[in-house]
Amino acid sequence: MGGYGSGRTGRKQIAEDCKSLDVNRLQREGVLNVGVMGNWVWFSNGEEVGRIGYSMTDAGLKLNYRVRCHGNDWEAVTETVPLTYVACHYGGMRTYFLCPGYVNGRHCGRRVGKLFAGGRYFLCRHCYSLAYRSQSEAECDRALRRANNTRMALGGEPGTAYFIAPKPKGMWQRTYERHCQQIARDEGQADILFISKFTHLLNEEDREAILEVLE
């Protein structure tokens, strides 16, 4: 199958929109054992959307794939990503990629857990200036997202229109109460940020009344 992308674009890219390699997932799948080789496949809605070949060598993870940059012909690419291993505080070793990128003539070499297909090569998000989608969210949206994630973690529905789900079986009561308090804080913060954003559209009397409630 063809390559993973069409080269670096002029628009700002989002990390979640790029195919990526997660060193922890590769480790769990046994890919990072010397001598292992195969294909890594990406799926979206059950459909294959990308595939690359890999082999693990003493020099690192060797990747083979094809790319087409700016509408040109498909081009074969071979990339070797070095790995490094760091001792954990409680024993064992943790594996990281060493980013092989070069930006403005300088080697990156960052120790990272993920590499992204933001262009011709798999590099860290710093080399491609990628931002996570949450980083571009408004602060009130970020607070609501946190609250909704906690609501769903408790087994409930996202959104203030729904009651918070009952305590899941096996969860400590104090843990459940802490989650409920966190939901209230995040949703309260979202309300304050949203209302504050539009107070300039109100007359002075209404603005003072709202600010008094928020206090």
C-alpha atoms as a PDB file:
ATOM      1  CA  MET A   1       0.000   0.000   0.000  1.00  0.00           C
ATOM      2  CA  GLY A   2       1.053   3.623  -0.439  1.00  0.00           C
ATOM      3  CA  GLY A   3       2.710   5.958   2.004  1.00  0.00           C
ATOM      4  CA  TYR A   4       1.456   7.807   5.034  1.00  0.00           C
ATOM      5  CA  GLY A   5       1.112  11.376   3.784  1.00  0.00           C
ATOM      6  CA  SER A   6       1.782  13.950   1.126  1.00  0.00           C
ATOM      7  CA  GLY A   7       4.565  16.000   2.671  1.00  0.00           C
ATOM      8  CA  ARG A   8       4.528  18.981   4.975  1.00  0.00           C
ATOM      9  CA  THR A   9       1.749  21.424   4.182  1.00  0.00           C
ATOM     10  CA  GLY A  10       1.581  25.157   4.585  1.00  0.00           C
ATOM     11  CA  ARG A  11      -1.317  25.061   7.054  1.00  0.00           C
ATOM     12  CA  LYS A  12      -0.933  24.547  10.765  1.00  0.00           C
ATOM     13  CA  GLN A  13      -1.219  20.853  11.507  1.00  0.00           C
ATOM     14  CA  ILE A  14      -2.858  19.222  14.501  1.00  0.00           C
ATOM     15  CA  ALA A  15      -1.142  16.261  16.153  1.00  0.00           C
ATOM     16  CA  GLU A  16      -4.316  14.168  16.292  1.00  0.00           C
ATOM     17  CA  ASP A  17      -4.751  14.538  12.516  1.00  0.00           C
ATOM     18  CA  CYS A  18      -1.347  12.946  11.807  1.00  0.00           C
ATOM     19  CA  LYS A  19      -0.584   9.253  11.834  1.00  0.00           C
ATOM     20  CA  SER A  20       1.736   8.523  14.730  1.00  0.00           C
ATOM     21  CA  LEU A  21       3.936   5.864  16.271  1.00  0.00           C
ATOM     22  CA  ASP A  22       3.597   5.394  20.037  1.00  0.00           C
ATOM     23  CA  VAL A  23       6.691   3.797  21.573  1.00  0.00           C
ATOM     24  CA  ASN A  24       4.689   2.335  24.477  1.00  0.00           C
ATOM     25  CA  ARG A  25       2.206   0.652  22.171  1.00  0.00           C
ATOM     26  CA  LEU A  26       4.991  -0.696  19.962  1.00  0.00           C
ATOM     27  CA  GLN A  27       6.673  -2.054  23.090  1.00  0.00           C
ATOM     28  CA  ARG A  28       3.472  -3.811  24.192  1.00  0.00           C
ATOM     29  CA  GLU A  29       3.018  -5.317  20.720  1.00  0.00           C
ATOM     30  CA  GLY A  30       6.538  -6.766  20.786  1.00  0.00           C
ATOM     31  CA  VAL A  31       7.723  -4.671  17.848  1.00  0.00           C
ATOM     32  CA  LEU A  32      10.808  -3.326  19.652  1.00  0.00           C
ATOM     33  CA  ASN A  33      12.587  -6.659  20.020  1.00  0.00           C
ATOM     34  CA  VAL A  34      15.654  -6.963  17.800  1.00  0.00           C
ATOM     35  CA  GLY A  35      14.923  -9.143  14.776  1.00  0.00           C
ATOM     36  CA  VAL A  36      11.174  -8.478  14.696  1.00  0.00           C
ATOM     37  CA  MET A  37       9.781  -7.230  11.374  1.00  0.00           C
ATOM     38  CA  GLY A  38       6.380  -6.692   9.849  1.00  0.00           C
ATOM     39  CA  ASN A  39       3.850  -4.040   8.881  1.00  0.00           C
ATOM     40  CA  TRP A  40       2.234  -1.378  11.042  1.00  0.00           C
ATOM     41  CA  VAL A  41      -1.280  -0.497   9.912  1.00  0.00           C
ATOM     42  CA  TRP A  42      -3.583   2.428  10.776  1.00  0.00           C
ATOM     43  CA  PHE A  43      -7.355   2.100  10.690  1.00  0.00           C
ATOM     44  CA  SER A  44     -10.181   4.628  10.719  1.00  0.00           C
ATOM     45  CA  ASN A  45     -13.779   3.468  11.177  1.00  0.00           C
ATOM     46  CA  GLY A  46     -12.667  -0.072  10.458  1.00  0.00           C
ATOM     47  CA  GLU A  47     -10.964   0.842   7.180  1.00  0.00           C
ATOM     48  CA  GLU A  48      -7.223   0.688   6.552  1.00  0.00           C
ATOM     49  CA  VAL A  49      -5.877   4.204   5.968  1.00  0.00           C
ATOM     50  CA  GLY A  50      -2.114   3.655   6.024  1.00  0.00           C
ATOM     51  CA  ARG A  51       0.608   1.026   6.256  1.00  0.00           C
ATOM     52  CA  ILE A  52       4.373   1.017   6.715  1.00  0.00           C
ATOM     53  CA  GLY A  53       6.978  -1.711   6.976  1.00  0.00           C
ATOM     54  CA  TYR A  54       9.260  -1.989  10.000  1.00  0.00           C
ATOM     55  CA  SER A  55      12.166  -4.042  11.298  1.00  0.00           C
ATOM     56  CA  MET A  56      13.896  -3.748  14.647  1.00  0.00           C
ATOM     57  CA  THR A  57      17.698  -3.678  14.429  1.00  0.00           C
ATOM     58  CA  ASP A  58      20.572  -2.939  16.795  1.00  0.00           C
ATOM     59  CA  ALA A  59      20.627   0.610  15.359  1.00  0.00           C
ATOM     60  CA  GLY A  60      16.962   1.243  16.113  1.00  0.00           C
ATOM     61  CA  LEU A  61      13.530   0.918  14.517  1.00  0.00           C
ATOM     62  CA  LYS A  62      13.896   0.851  10.735  1.00  0.00           C
ATOM     63  CA  LEU A  63      10.856   2.142   8.827  1.00  0.00           C
ATOM     64  CA  ASN A  64      10.076   1.631   5.129  1.00  0.00           C
ATOM     65  CA  TYR A  65       7.256   3.454   3.376  1.00  0.00           C
ATOM     66  CA  ARG A  66       6.355   5.673   0.456  1.00  0.00           C
ATOM     67  CA  VAL A  67       5.350   9.327   0.406  1.00  0.00           C
ATOM     68  CA  ARG A  68       4.104  11.743  -2.236  1.00  0.00           C
ATOM     69  CA  CYS A  69       5.077  15.334  -1.553  1.00  0.00           C
ATOM     70  CA  HIS A  70       3.158  18.239  -3.100  1.00  0.00           C
ATOM     71  CA  GLY A  71       1.536  16.051  -5.760  1.00  0.00           C
ATOM     72  CA  ASN A  72       4.833  14.647  -7.075  1.00  0.00           C
ATOM     73  CA  ASP A  73       5.463  10.957  -7.772  1.00  0.00           C
ATOM     74  CA  TRP A  74       5.516   8.449  -4.934  1.00  0.00           C
ATOM     75  CA  GLU A  75       8.932   8.213  -3.308  1.00  0.00           C
ATOM     76  CA  ALA A  76      10.370   5.350  -1.261  1.00  0.00           C
ATOM     77  CA  VAL A  77      11.690   6.391   2.158  1.00  0.00           C
ATOM     78  CA  THR A  78      13.805   4.437   4.628  1.00  0.00           C
ATOM     79  CA  GLU A  79      14.166   5.938   8.101  1.00  0.00           C
ATOM     80  CA  THR A  80      15.908   4.545  11.171  1.00  0.00           C
ATOM     81  CA  VAL A  81      14.767   5.841  14.545  1.00  0.00           C
ATOM     82  CA  PRO A  82      17.220   5.315  17.442  1.00  0.00           C
ATOM     83  CA  LEU A  83      15.871   4.297  20.839  1.00  0.00           C
ATOM     84  CA  THR A  84      17.075   5.004  24.339  1.00  0.00           C
ATOM     85  CA  TYR A  85      16.259   3.351  27.658  1.00  0.00           C
ATOM     86  CA  VAL A  86      15.843   5.132  30.990  1.00  0.00           C
ATOM     87  CA  ALA A  87      15.706   3.469  34.398  1.00  0.00           C
ATOM     88  CA  CYS A  88      12.397   3.924  36.250  1.00  0.00           C
ATOM     89  CA  HIS A  89      12.319   4.946  39.914  1.00  0.00           C
ATOM     90  CA  TYR A  90      10.629   1.710  40.936  1.00  0.00           C
ATOM     91  CA  GLY A  91      12.660  -0.626  38.770  1.00  0.00           C
ATOM     92  CA  GLY A  92      12.624  -1.609  35.129  1.00  0.00           C
ATOM     93  CA  MET A  93      13.422   0.467  32.072  1.00  0.00           C
ATOM     94  CA  ARG A  94      11.345   2.851  30.017  1.00  0.00           C
ATOM     95  CA  THR A  95      11.818   3.113  26.256  1.00  0.00           C
ATOM     96  CA  TYR A  96      11.867   6.370  24.295  1.00  0.00           C
ATOM     97  CA  PHE A  97      12.420   7.379  20.681  1.00  0.00           C
ATOM     98  CA  LEU A  98      15.298   9.726  19.931  1.00  0.00           C
ATOM     99  CA  CYS A  99      13.835  12.041  17.303  1.00  0.00           C
ATOM    100  CA  PRO A 100      15.995  11.801  14.135  1.00  0.00           C
ATOM    101  CA  GLY A 101      14.834  15.159  12.792  1.00  0.00           C
ATOM    102  CA  TYR A 102      16.915  18.050  11.520  1.00  0.00           C
ATOM    103  CA  VAL A 103      15.410  21.537  11.655  1.00  0.00           C
ATOM    104  CA  ASN A 104      17.344  24.491  10.252  1.00  0.00           C
ATOM    105  CA  GLY A 105      20.432  22.290  10.039  1.00  0.00           C
ATOM    106  CA  ARG A 106      20.314  21.274  13.707  1.00  0.00           C
ATOM    107  CA  HIS A 107      19.750  17.722  14.866  1.00  0.00           C
ATOM    108  CA  CYS A 108      16.763  17.341  17.202  1.00  0.00           C
ATOM    109  CA  GLY A 109      17.534  14.197  19.225  1.00  0.00           C
ATOM    110  CA  ARG A 110      14.689  14.812  21.691  1.00  0.00           C
ATOM    111  CA  ARG A 111      13.646  11.900  23.887  1.00  0.00           C
ATOM    112  CA  VAL A 112       9.969  11.421  23.049  1.00  0.00           C
ATOM    113  CA  GLY A 113       7.218   8.852  23.336  1.00  0.00           C
ATOM    114  CA  LYS A 114       5.556   9.629  19.999  1.00  0.00           C
ATOM    115  CA  LEU A 115       6.604  10.392  16.443  1.00  0.00           C
ATOM    116  CA  PHE A 116       4.262  11.944  13.895  1.00  0.00           C
ATOM    117  CA  ALA A 117       3.918  11.696  10.137  1.00  0.00           C
ATOM    118  CA  GLY A 118       3.729  15.452   9.636  1.00  0.00           C
ATOM    119  CA  GLY A 119       5.761  15.341   6.423  1.00  0.00           C
ATOM    120  CA  ARG A 120       8.310  13.136   4.698  1.00  0.00           C
ATOM    121  CA  TYR A 121       9.605  11.556   7.918  1.00  0.00           C
ATOM    122  CA  PHE A 122       8.310  10.441  11.291  1.00  0.00           C
ATOM    123  CA  LEU A 123       9.531  13.128  13.684  1.00  0.00           C
ATOM    124  CA  CYS A 124       8.539  14.576  17.053  1.00  0.00           C
ATOM    125  CA  ARG A 125       5.786  17.164  17.257  1.00  0.00           C
ATOM    126  CA  HIS A 126       8.320  19.908  18.015  1.00  0.00           C
ATOM    127  CA  CYS A 127      10.055  19.408  14.667  1.00  0.00           C
ATOM    128  CA  TYR A 128       6.719  19.767  12.871  1.00  0.00           C
ATOM    129  CA  SER A 129       5.412  22.491  15.226  1.00  0.00           C
ATOM    130  CA  LEU A 130       2.339  20.360  15.902  1.00  0.00           C
ATOM    131  CA  ALA A 131      -0.160  21.342  18.557  1.00  0.00           C
ATOM    132  CA  TYR A 132      -2.674  19.089  20.243  1.00  0.00           C
ATOM    133  CA  ARG A 133      -6.283  19.977  19.548  1.00  0.00           C
ATOM    134  CA  SER A 134      -6.911  20.734  23.214  1.00  0.00           C
ATOM    135  CA  GLN A 135      -4.243  23.462  23.097  1.00  0.00           C
ATOM    136  CA  SER A 136      -6.341  25.477  20.638  1.00  0.00           C
ATOM    137  CA  GLU A 137      -9.523  25.206  22.710  1.00  0.00           C
ATOM    138  CA  ALA A 138     -10.960  28.174  24.497  1.00  0.00           C
ATOM    139  CA  GLU A 139     -10.405  27.934  28.250  1.00  0.00           C
ATOM    140  CA  CYS A 140     -14.128  27.506  28.952  1.00  0.00           C
ATOM    141  CA  ASP A 141     -14.335  24.654  26.400  1.00  0.00           C
ATOM    142  CA  ARG A 142     -11.336  22.991  28.031  1.00  0.00           C
ATOM    143  CA  ALA A 143     -13.016  23.151  31.447  1.00  0.00           C
ATOM    144  CA  LEU A 144     -16.228  21.649  30.036  1.00  0.00           C
ATOM    145  CA  ARG A 145     -14.282  18.882  28.326  1.00  0.00           C
ATOM    146  CA  ARG A 146     -12.628  17.982  31.637  1.00  0.00           C
ATOM    147  CA  ALA A 147     -16.015  17.868  33.344  1.00  0.00           C
ATOM    148  CA  ASN A 148     -17.525  15.733  30.580  1.00  0.00           C
ATOM    149  CA  ASN A 149     -14.612  13.305  30.693  1.00  0.00           C
ATOM    150  CA  THR A 150     -15.124  12.866  34.434  1.00  0.00           C
ATOM    151  CA  ARG A 151     -18.878  12.429  33.969  1.00  0.00           C
ATOM    152  CA  MET A 152     -18.309   9.678  31.391  1.00  0.00           C
ATOM    153  CA  ALA A 153     -15.624   8.031  33.539  1.00  0.00           C
ATOM    154  CA  LEU A 154     -18.333   7.613  36.200  1.00  0.00           C
ATOM    155  CA  GLY A 155     -20.579   5.969  33.616  1.00  0.00           C
ATOM    156  CA  GLY A 156     -22.800   8.968  32.914  1.00  0.00           C
ATOM    157  CA  GLU A 157     -23.607  11.192  29.942  1.00  0.00           C
ATOM    158  CA  PRO A 158     -21.649  14.338  29.028  1.00  0.00           C
ATOM    159  CA  GLY A 159     -23.338  17.697  29.549  1.00  0.00           C
ATOM    160  CA  THR A 160     -24.955  19.629  32.361  1.00  0.00           C
ATOM    161  CA  ALA A 161     -28.424  18.555  31.176  1.00  0.00           C
ATOM    162  CA  TYR A 162     -27.796  15.151  32.779  1.00  0.00           C
ATOM    163  CA  PHE A 163     -27.438  14.132  36.406  1.00  0.00           C
ATOM    164  CA  ILE A 164     -24.051  12.844  37.495  1.00  0.00           C
ATOM    165  CA  ALA A 165     -24.089   9.046  37.396  1.00  0.00           C
ATOM    166  CA  PRO A 166     -24.433   7.123  40.679  1.00  0.00           C
ATOM    167  CA  LYS A 167     -21.300   5.826  42.354  1.00  0.00           C
ATOM    168  CA  PRO A 168     -19.873   2.933  40.299  1.00  0.00           C
ATOM    169  CA  LYS A 169     -19.700  -0.400  42.067  1.00  0.00           C
ATOM    170  CA  GLY A 170     -16.375  -0.886  43.827  1.00  0.00           C
ATOM    171  CA  MET A 171     -15.458   2.819  43.933  1.00  0.00           C
ATOM    172  CA  TRP A 172     -14.667   4.355  47.315  1.00  0.00           C
ATOM    173  CA  GLN A 173     -17.288   6.881  48.441  1.00  0.00           C
ATOM    174  CA  ARG A 174     -14.663   9.551  49.083  1.00  0.00           C
ATOM    175  CA  THR A 175     -13.254   8.984  45.568  1.00  0.00           C
ATOM    176  CA  TYR A 176     -16.725   9.384  44.075  1.00  0.00           C
ATOM    177  CA  GLU A 177     -17.323  12.562  46.055  1.00  0.00           C
ATOM    178  CA  ARG A 178     -13.975  13.947  44.905  1.00  0.00           C
ATOM    179  CA  HIS A 179     -14.972  13.327  41.267  1.00  0.00           C
ATOM    180  CA  CYS A 180     -18.338  15.020  41.824  1.00  0.00           C
ATOM    181  CA  GLN A 181     -16.646  18.038  43.377  1.00  0.00           C
ATOM    182  CA  GLN A 182     -14.231  18.224  40.456  1.00  0.00           C
ATOM    183  CA  ILE A 183     -17.129  18.170  37.983  1.00  0.00           C
ATOM    184  CA  ALA A 184     -18.796  21.019  39.876  1.00  0.00           C
ATOM    185  CA  ARG A 185     -15.573  23.052  39.894  1.00  0.00           C
ATOM    186  CA  ASP A 186     -14.906  22.537  36.183  1.00  0.00           C
ATOM    187  CA  GLU A 187     -18.474  23.319  35.147  1.00  0.00           C
ATOM    188  CA  GLY A 188     -18.557  26.343  37.445  1.00  0.00           C
ATOM    189  CA  GLN A 189     -15.316  27.609  35.947  1.00  0.00           C
ATOM    190  CA  ALA A 190     -16.712  27.096  32.435  1.00  0.00           C
ATOM    191  CA  ASP A 191     -19.817  29.126  33.316  1.00  0.00           C
ATOM    192  CA  ILE A 192     -17.747  31.964  34.737  1.00  0.00           C
ATOM    193  CA  LEU A 193     -15.410  32.063  31.733  1.00  0.00           C
ATOM    194  CA  PHE A 194     -18.274  31.935  29.238  1.00  0.00           C
ATOM    195  CA  ILE A 195     -20.292  34.664  30.929  1.00  0.00           C
ATOM    196  CA  SER A 196     -17.233  36.848  31.469  1.00  0.00           C
ATOM    197  CA  LYS A 197     -16.467  36.636  27.770  1.00  0.00           C
ATOM    198  CA  PHE A 198     -19.738  38.379  26.893  1.00  0.00           C
ATOM    199  CA  THR A 199     -20.289  40.746  29.815  1.00  0.00           C
ATOM    200  CA  HIS A 200     -19.099  43.656  27.649  1.00  0.00           C
ATOM    201  CA  LEU A 201     -22.286  43.245  25.593  1.00  0.00           C
ATOM    202  CA  LEU A 202     -24.503  43.935  28.615  1.00  0.00           C
ATOM    203  CA  ASN A 203     -25.549  47.228  30.088  1.00  0.00           C
ATOM    204  CA  GLU A 204     -23.932  48.284  33.339  1.00  0.00           C
ATOM    205  CA  GLU A 205     -26.856  47.207  35.553  1.00  0.00           C
ATOM    206  CA  ASP A 206     -27.055  43.680  34.100  1.00  0.00           C
ATOM    207  CA  ARG A 207     -23.282  43.338  34.165  1.00  0.00           C
ATOM    208  CA  GLU A 208     -23.099  44.230  37.839  1.00  0.00           C
ATOM    209  CA  ALA A 209     -25.926  41.785  38.639  1.00  0.00           C
ATOM    210  CA  ILE A 210     -24.154  38.908  36.859  1.00  0.00           C
ATOM    211  CA  LEU A 211     -20.780  39.694  38.397  1.00  0.00           C
ATOM    212  CA  GLU A 212     -22.430  39.735  41.819  1.00  0.00           C
ATOM    213  CA  VAL A 213     -23.831  36.227  41.218  1.00  0.00           C
ATOM    214  CA  LEU A 214     -20.471  34.946  40.011  1.00  0.00           C
ATOM    215  CA  GLU A 215     -18.767  36.203  43.141  1.00  0.00           C
END
